[in-house]
Every structure is written in structure tokens, then in C-alpha cells.
């Protein structure tokens, strides 16, 4: 074969892929023999290698929400109490029962809801 024919024919083998899609980083994870067997079984069910299955599982699953700050937990509990009381009043009103609420209580409730909303976004009401 001449040099000219070799140039025309080109190189054999797999064509190079998209450079941005090439995986260059590695994450090492140690698993027990039993865990590895379970991972292999799950991967085989999906027609994947264990590494492919782990990658797909890790990148496609929704992670748990981050923990709620303590201040928000306290405010959330207060909101739950207010909501329960309001729900009882609304349920009674929707059932046709007369509901009597003092104006002062409604004003206090509106103020508490406003303070709660501010607290949940991190604004402290100094009033």
C-alpha cells in the first residue's frame, strides 16, 4: 500500500467523541461484597454496568431537602397552629354554621401572619 493510499483510507477505529462529553473525573466508592452484588443485580436489570447505574441513579434522583433552620422551624410550628384554627373556622363557615370572630382577634391574626411572613424570609419585625 502506498503512502497516498494510506492517507486516503484514513485511520481505523472508533471516531473521537465530543470533547465536552468525555468523562475525566473519578469518584471512588467502597462497597461491601453484598452491596456490590445488589448494585450489579440492579444494573443488570436495567442493562447497565454498575458504574453507569450509579451515575444515573445519583444524577437523576431528587435529594432530600436541606434541614430547615431553627428559626424557621419555630415559625413553621406557629404557622401550623394558626392554620389549624383558621381551618376550623373556615370549615364551620362552609358548613353553614354561624362563625363569630372578634375584630380584635382578626387584626391580631393579620399582624401575626405578617410577622410570620417576614420571619420566614429572614426579616425581623421590631414593632
N, C-alpha and C. Protein backbone atom coordinates (compact mmCIF):
# COMPACT_ATOMS: atom_id res chain seq x y z
N UNK A 1 0.85 -1.17 0.00
CA UNK A 1 0.00 0.00 0.00
C UNK A 1 0.90 1.23 0.00
N UNK A 2 0.55 2.17 -0.83
CA UNK A 2 1.38 3.37 -0.93
C UNK A 2 0.99 4.34 0.17
N UNK A 3 1.85 5.31 0.41
CA UNK A 3 1.58 6.33 1.43
C UNK A 3 0.34 7.13 1.07
N UNK A 4 0.16 7.37 -0.24
CA UNK A 4 -1.02 8.12 -0.68
C UNK A 4 -2.30 7.36 -0.39
N UNK A 5 -2.30 6.06 -0.60
CA UNK A 5 -3.48 5.24 -0.34
C UNK A 5 -3.78 5.19 1.16
N UNK A 6 -2.74 5.16 1.98
CA UNK A 6 -2.94 5.13 3.42
C UNK A 6 -3.57 6.42 3.92
N UNK A 7 -3.20 7.55 3.31
CA UNK A 7 -3.78 8.83 3.73
C UNK A 7 -5.24 8.88 3.35
N UNK A 8 -5.59 8.40 2.15
CA UNK A 8 -6.99 8.41 1.71
C UNK A 8 -7.85 7.48 2.55
N UNK A 9 -7.30 6.35 2.89
CA UNK A 9 -8.08 5.37 3.64
C UNK A 9 -8.38 5.86 5.05
N UNK A 10 -7.51 6.60 5.64
CA UNK A 10 -7.73 7.11 6.99
C UNK A 10 -7.41 6.07 8.04
N UNK A 11 -7.51 6.48 9.24
CA UNK A 11 -7.23 5.57 10.35
C UNK A 11 -8.48 4.79 10.70
N UNK A 12 -8.29 3.63 11.17
CA UNK A 12 -9.43 2.83 11.61
C UNK A 12 -9.78 3.16 13.05
N UNK A 13 -10.76 2.46 13.58
CA UNK A 13 -11.11 2.63 14.98
C UNK A 13 -12.30 3.54 15.17
N UNK A 14 -12.61 3.71 16.41
CA UNK A 14 -13.78 4.49 16.79
C UNK A 14 -13.50 5.99 16.61
N UNK A 15 -14.45 6.73 16.05
CA UNK A 15 -14.22 8.16 15.92
C UNK A 15 -14.23 8.84 17.30
N UNK A 16 -13.49 9.92 17.38
CA UNK A 16 -13.43 10.64 18.64
C UNK A 16 -14.78 11.27 18.93
N UNK A 17 -15.16 11.25 20.21
CA UNK A 17 -16.44 11.83 20.63
C UNK A 17 -16.29 13.31 20.92
N UNK A 18 -17.38 13.88 21.37
CA UNK A 18 -17.42 15.29 21.74
C UNK A 18 -16.52 15.49 22.95
N UNK A 19 -15.52 16.38 22.86
CA UNK A 19 -14.59 16.56 23.98
C UNK A 19 -15.27 17.02 25.27
N UNK A 20 -16.37 17.76 25.16
CA UNK A 20 -17.04 18.22 26.38
C UNK A 20 -17.80 17.10 27.07
N UNK A 21 -18.06 16.00 26.37
CA UNK A 21 -18.79 14.88 26.95
C UNK A 21 -17.86 13.81 27.53
N UNK A 22 -16.56 13.98 27.37
CA UNK A 22 -15.61 12.99 27.87
C UNK A 22 -15.55 13.08 29.38
N UNK A 23 -15.67 11.94 30.02
CA UNK A 23 -15.62 11.88 31.49
C UNK A 23 -14.17 11.67 31.91
N UNK A 24 -13.65 12.62 32.67
CA UNK A 24 -12.26 12.53 33.08
C UNK A 24 -12.10 12.38 34.59
N UNK A 25 -13.10 12.73 35.35
CA UNK A 25 -13.01 12.65 36.81
C UNK A 25 -13.58 11.34 37.31
N UNK A 26 -13.00 10.86 38.42
CA UNK A 26 -13.42 9.60 39.01
C UNK A 26 -13.82 9.82 40.46
N UNK A 27 -14.84 9.09 40.89
CA UNK A 27 -15.25 9.10 42.29
C UNK A 27 -15.13 7.66 42.78
N UNK A 28 -14.32 7.45 43.79
CA UNK A 28 -14.16 6.11 44.34
C UNK A 28 -15.15 5.86 45.46
N UNK A 29 -15.86 4.76 45.37
CA UNK A 29 -16.84 4.40 46.40
C UNK A 29 -16.57 2.96 46.80
N UNK A 30 -16.35 2.75 48.07
CA UNK A 30 -16.14 1.38 48.55
C UNK A 30 -17.48 0.80 48.99
N UNK A 31 -17.72 -0.44 48.58
CA UNK A 31 -18.95 -1.14 48.96
C UNK A 31 -18.58 -2.54 49.44
N UNK A 32 -19.47 -3.12 50.22
CA UNK A 32 -19.23 -4.49 50.69
C UNK A 32 -19.55 -5.46 49.55
N UNK A 33 -19.23 -6.71 49.77
CA UNK A 33 -19.50 -7.74 48.76
C UNK A 33 -21.00 -7.83 48.51
N UNK A 34 -21.79 -7.76 49.58
CA UNK A 34 -23.24 -7.84 49.43
C UNK A 34 -23.78 -6.62 48.68
N UNK A 35 -23.27 -5.43 49.02
CA UNK A 35 -23.72 -4.23 48.34
C UNK A 35 -23.37 -4.28 46.86
N UNK A 36 -22.17 -4.77 46.55
CA UNK A 36 -21.75 -4.86 45.15
C UNK A 36 -22.66 -5.83 44.38
N UNK A 37 -23.00 -6.92 45.01
CA UNK A 37 -23.90 -7.88 44.35
C UNK A 37 -25.26 -7.25 44.08
N UNK A 38 -25.76 -6.46 45.05
CA UNK A 38 -27.04 -5.79 44.86
C UNK A 38 -26.95 -4.75 43.74
N UNK A 39 -25.85 -4.00 43.70
CA UNK A 39 -25.67 -2.99 42.65
C UNK A 39 -25.58 -3.65 41.28
N UNK A 40 -24.84 -4.75 41.20
CA UNK A 40 -24.73 -5.47 39.91
C UNK A 40 -26.08 -5.97 39.46
N UNK A 41 -26.87 -6.52 40.39
CA UNK A 41 -28.19 -7.04 40.03
C UNK A 41 -29.09 -5.93 39.52
N UNK A 42 -29.09 -4.79 40.21
CA UNK A 42 -29.91 -3.66 39.78
C UNK A 42 -29.45 -3.14 38.42
N UNK A 43 -28.14 -3.07 38.23
CA UNK A 43 -27.60 -2.59 36.96
C UNK A 43 -27.96 -3.54 35.82
N UNK A 44 -27.84 -4.84 36.08
CA UNK A 44 -28.17 -5.82 35.05
C UNK A 44 -29.63 -5.75 34.64
N UNK A 45 -30.53 -5.49 35.61
CA UNK A 45 -31.95 -5.35 35.29
C UNK A 45 -32.19 -4.22 34.31
N UNK A 46 -31.37 -3.19 34.40
CA UNK A 46 -31.52 -2.02 33.53
C UNK A 46 -30.63 -2.11 32.29
N UNK A 47 -29.84 -3.16 32.19
CA UNK A 47 -28.95 -3.31 31.05
C UNK A 47 -27.77 -2.35 31.11
N UNK A 48 -27.32 -2.04 32.33
CA UNK A 48 -26.22 -1.10 32.52
C UNK A 48 -25.11 -1.75 33.32
N UNK A 49 -23.95 -1.12 33.29
CA UNK A 49 -22.87 -1.55 34.18
C UNK A 49 -23.15 -0.94 35.55
N UNK A 50 -22.54 -1.47 36.61
CA UNK A 50 -22.74 -0.85 37.93
C UNK A 50 -22.37 0.64 37.94
N UNK A 51 -21.29 1.02 37.26
CA UNK A 51 -20.89 2.42 37.23
C UNK A 51 -21.94 3.28 36.52
N UNK A 52 -22.45 2.78 35.40
CA UNK A 52 -23.50 3.53 34.69
C UNK A 52 -24.75 3.66 35.54
N UNK A 53 -25.12 2.56 36.22
CA UNK A 53 -26.32 2.59 37.05
C UNK A 53 -26.17 3.59 38.20
N UNK A 54 -25.00 3.57 38.86
CA UNK A 54 -24.76 4.51 39.95
C UNK A 54 -24.81 5.95 39.46
N UNK A 55 -24.21 6.21 38.30
CA UNK A 55 -24.22 7.56 37.75
C UNK A 55 -25.65 8.01 37.47
N UNK A 56 -26.42 7.16 36.82
CA UNK A 56 -27.81 7.50 36.51
C UNK A 56 -28.63 7.70 37.78
N UNK A 57 -28.45 6.80 38.74
CA UNK A 57 -29.22 6.90 39.99
C UNK A 57 -28.86 8.17 40.75
N UNK A 58 -27.59 8.48 40.81
CA UNK A 58 -27.16 9.66 41.58
C UNK A 58 -27.58 10.96 40.91
N UNK A 59 -27.51 11.02 39.60
CA UNK A 59 -27.80 12.28 38.91
C UNK A 59 -29.28 12.49 38.62
N UNK A 60 -30.07 11.44 38.66
CA UNK A 60 -31.48 11.62 38.30
C UNK A 60 -32.40 11.64 39.52
N UNK A 61 -31.91 11.28 40.67
CA UNK A 61 -32.76 11.24 41.85
C UNK A 61 -32.80 12.60 42.53
N UNK A 62 -33.95 12.87 43.11
CA UNK A 62 -34.12 14.10 43.86
C UNK A 62 -33.57 13.89 45.27
N UNK A 63 -32.74 14.80 45.70
CA UNK A 63 -32.15 14.70 47.03
C UNK A 63 -33.12 15.23 48.07
N UNK A 64 -32.98 14.78 49.31
CA UNK A 64 -33.83 15.33 50.37
C UNK A 64 -33.58 16.82 50.52
N UNK A 65 -34.59 17.52 50.98
CA UNK A 65 -34.46 18.96 51.21
C UNK A 65 -33.44 19.22 52.31
N UNK A 66 -32.73 20.34 52.22
CA UNK A 66 -31.79 20.65 53.29
C UNK A 66 -32.54 20.92 54.59
N UNK A 67 -31.87 20.75 55.73
CA UNK A 67 -32.55 20.97 57.00
C UNK A 67 -33.05 22.41 57.13
N UNK A 68 -34.18 22.55 57.77
CA UNK A 68 -34.79 23.86 57.97
C UNK A 68 -34.12 24.53 59.16
N UNK A 69 -33.73 25.81 59.03
CA UNK A 69 -33.12 26.49 60.18
C UNK A 69 -34.06 26.53 61.38
N UNK A 70 -33.50 26.57 62.58
CA UNK A 70 -34.30 26.53 63.81
C UNK A 70 -35.34 27.64 63.85
N UNK A 71 -34.97 28.85 63.43
CA UNK A 71 -35.92 29.96 63.48
C UNK A 71 -37.12 29.65 62.59
N UNK A 72 -36.87 29.05 61.45
CA UNK A 72 -37.98 28.72 60.56
C UNK A 72 -38.83 27.60 61.12
N UNK A 73 -38.21 26.65 61.84
CA UNK A 73 -38.99 25.57 62.46
C UNK A 73 -39.95 26.12 63.49
N UNK A 74 -39.48 27.07 64.29
CA UNK A 74 -40.34 27.68 65.30
C UNK A 74 -41.49 28.43 64.64
N UNK A 75 -41.17 29.19 63.62
CA UNK A 75 -42.19 29.97 62.92
C UNK A 75 -43.15 29.04 62.17
N UNK A 76 -42.62 27.95 61.65
CA UNK A 76 -43.46 26.98 60.95
C UNK A 76 -44.47 26.35 61.92
N UNK A 77 -44.03 26.05 63.14
CA UNK A 77 -44.92 25.48 64.14
C UNK A 77 -46.03 26.48 64.49
N UNK A 78 -45.65 27.74 64.62
CA UNK A 78 -46.65 28.78 64.90
C UNK A 78 -47.63 28.90 63.74
N UNK A 79 -47.12 28.84 62.53
CA UNK A 79 -47.99 28.89 61.35
C UNK A 79 -48.96 27.70 61.34
N UNK A 80 -48.48 26.54 61.74
CA UNK A 80 -49.34 25.35 61.78
C UNK A 80 -50.49 25.55 62.77
N UNK A 81 -50.18 26.13 63.93
CA UNK A 81 -51.24 26.39 64.92
C UNK A 81 -52.27 27.38 64.38
N UNK A 82 -51.79 28.46 63.80
CA UNK A 82 -52.71 29.46 63.23
C UNK A 82 -53.55 28.85 62.11
N UNK A 83 -52.91 28.06 61.27
CA UNK A 83 -53.61 27.44 60.15
C UNK A 83 -54.70 26.49 60.63
N UNK A 84 -54.40 25.73 61.68
CA UNK A 84 -55.39 24.79 62.20
C UNK A 84 -56.62 25.54 62.71
N UNK A 85 -56.40 26.64 63.44
CA UNK A 85 -57.52 27.43 63.94
C UNK A 85 -58.33 28.04 62.79
N UNK A 86 -57.64 28.58 61.82
CA UNK A 86 -58.34 29.16 60.67
C UNK A 86 -59.12 28.10 59.90
N UNK A 87 -58.52 26.94 59.78
CA UNK A 87 -59.18 25.85 59.06
C UNK A 87 -60.48 25.44 59.77
N UNK A 88 -60.44 25.39 61.07
CA UNK A 88 -61.66 25.05 61.83
C UNK A 88 -62.74 26.09 61.62
N UNK A 89 -62.36 27.37 61.63
CA UNK A 89 -63.34 28.43 61.39
C UNK A 89 -63.90 28.36 59.97
N UNK A 90 -63.04 28.16 59.00
CA UNK A 90 -63.49 28.08 57.61
C UNK A 90 -64.39 26.87 57.40
N UNK A 91 -64.06 25.75 58.01
CA UNK A 91 -64.88 24.54 57.88
C UNK A 91 -66.27 24.78 58.46
N UNK A 92 -66.34 25.41 59.61
CA UNK A 92 -67.63 25.70 60.23
C UNK A 92 -68.44 26.66 59.35
N UNK A 93 -67.79 27.69 58.84
CA UNK A 93 -68.49 28.66 57.98
C UNK A 93 -68.98 27.99 56.70
N UNK A 94 -68.19 27.13 56.11
CA UNK A 94 -68.59 26.44 54.87
C UNK A 94 -69.71 25.43 55.13
N UNK A 95 -69.81 24.94 56.36
CA UNK A 95 -70.88 24.00 56.70
C UNK A 95 -72.17 24.73 57.05
N UNK A 96 -72.14 26.06 56.98
CA UNK A 96 -73.34 26.84 57.25
C UNK A 96 -73.53 27.20 58.70
N UNK A 97 -72.57 26.90 59.54
CA UNK A 97 -72.67 27.24 60.96
C UNK A 97 -72.28 28.70 61.15
N UNK A 98 -72.94 29.39 62.05
CA UNK A 98 -72.55 30.78 62.29
C UNK A 98 -71.17 30.84 62.95
N UNK A 99 -70.35 31.72 62.46
CA UNK A 99 -68.99 31.87 63.00
C UNK A 99 -68.85 33.30 63.48
N UNK A 100 -68.54 33.45 64.74
CA UNK A 100 -68.37 34.77 65.33
C UNK A 100 -66.88 34.93 65.67
N UNK A 101 -66.26 35.95 65.11
CA UNK A 101 -64.86 36.24 65.39
C UNK A 101 -64.76 37.71 65.71
N UNK A 102 -64.14 38.03 66.82
CA UNK A 102 -63.98 39.43 67.23
C UNK A 102 -63.03 40.14 66.28
N UNK A 103 -63.31 41.40 65.99
CA UNK A 103 -62.46 42.19 65.11
C UNK A 103 -61.03 42.24 65.64
N UNK A 104 -60.90 42.37 66.95
CA UNK A 104 -59.57 42.45 67.55
C UNK A 104 -58.77 41.17 67.28
N UNK A 105 -59.44 40.03 67.31
CA UNK A 105 -58.77 38.76 67.03
C UNK A 105 -58.33 38.69 65.58
N UNK A 106 -59.17 39.14 64.67
CA UNK A 106 -58.80 39.15 63.24
C UNK A 106 -57.62 40.08 62.99
N UNK A 107 -57.61 41.24 63.65
CA UNK A 107 -56.50 42.18 63.49
C UNK A 107 -55.21 41.57 64.05
N UNK A 108 -55.32 40.92 65.20
CA UNK A 108 -54.15 40.26 65.79
C UNK A 108 -53.63 39.16 64.87
N UNK A 109 -54.56 38.40 64.32
CA UNK A 109 -54.19 37.31 63.41
C UNK A 109 -53.49 37.87 62.16
N UNK A 110 -54.03 38.95 61.60
CA UNK A 110 -53.41 39.56 60.42
C UNK A 110 -52.00 40.04 60.75
N UNK A 111 -51.83 40.63 61.94
CA UNK A 111 -50.49 41.06 62.36
C UNK A 111 -49.53 39.90 62.52
N UNK A 112 -50.02 38.82 63.13
CA UNK A 112 -49.17 37.63 63.31
C UNK A 112 -48.77 37.02 61.98
N UNK A 113 -49.70 36.95 61.06
CA UNK A 113 -49.38 36.40 59.74
C UNK A 113 -48.34 37.27 59.06
N UNK A 114 -48.48 38.59 59.15
CA UNK A 114 -47.49 39.49 58.56
C UNK A 114 -46.11 39.30 59.17
N UNK A 115 -46.03 39.20 60.50
CA UNK A 115 -44.74 38.99 61.17
C UNK A 115 -44.16 37.63 60.79
N UNK A 116 -45.02 36.65 60.69
CA UNK A 116 -44.57 35.31 60.33
C UNK A 116 -43.98 35.30 58.92
N UNK A 117 -44.65 35.94 58.01
CA UNK A 117 -44.15 36.01 56.63
C UNK A 117 -42.78 36.67 56.58
N UNK A 118 -42.61 37.76 57.32
CA UNK A 118 -41.31 38.44 57.37
C UNK A 118 -40.24 37.55 58.00
N UNK A 119 -40.60 36.86 59.09
CA UNK A 119 -39.64 36.00 59.77
C UNK A 119 -39.17 34.86 58.87
N UNK A 120 -40.07 34.34 58.06
CA UNK A 120 -39.70 33.22 57.18
C UNK A 120 -38.71 33.63 56.10
N UNK A 121 -38.69 34.90 55.76
CA UNK A 121 -37.71 35.36 54.77
C UNK A 121 -36.52 36.04 55.43
N UNK A 122 -36.49 36.01 56.77
CA UNK A 122 -35.32 36.50 57.49
C UNK A 122 -35.39 37.95 57.92
N UNK A 123 -36.56 38.59 57.81
CA UNK A 123 -36.69 39.98 58.22
C UNK A 123 -37.29 39.99 59.63
N UNK A 124 -36.63 40.66 60.55
CA UNK A 124 -37.10 40.72 61.92
C UNK A 124 -37.98 41.95 62.09
N UNK A 125 -39.20 41.75 62.58
CA UNK A 125 -40.13 42.85 62.83
C UNK A 125 -39.89 43.36 64.24
N UNK A 126 -39.48 44.60 64.39
CA UNK A 126 -39.13 45.17 65.70
C UNK A 126 -40.30 45.88 66.37
N UNK A 127 -41.50 45.80 65.80
CA UNK A 127 -42.64 46.52 66.39
C UNK A 127 -43.23 45.80 67.58
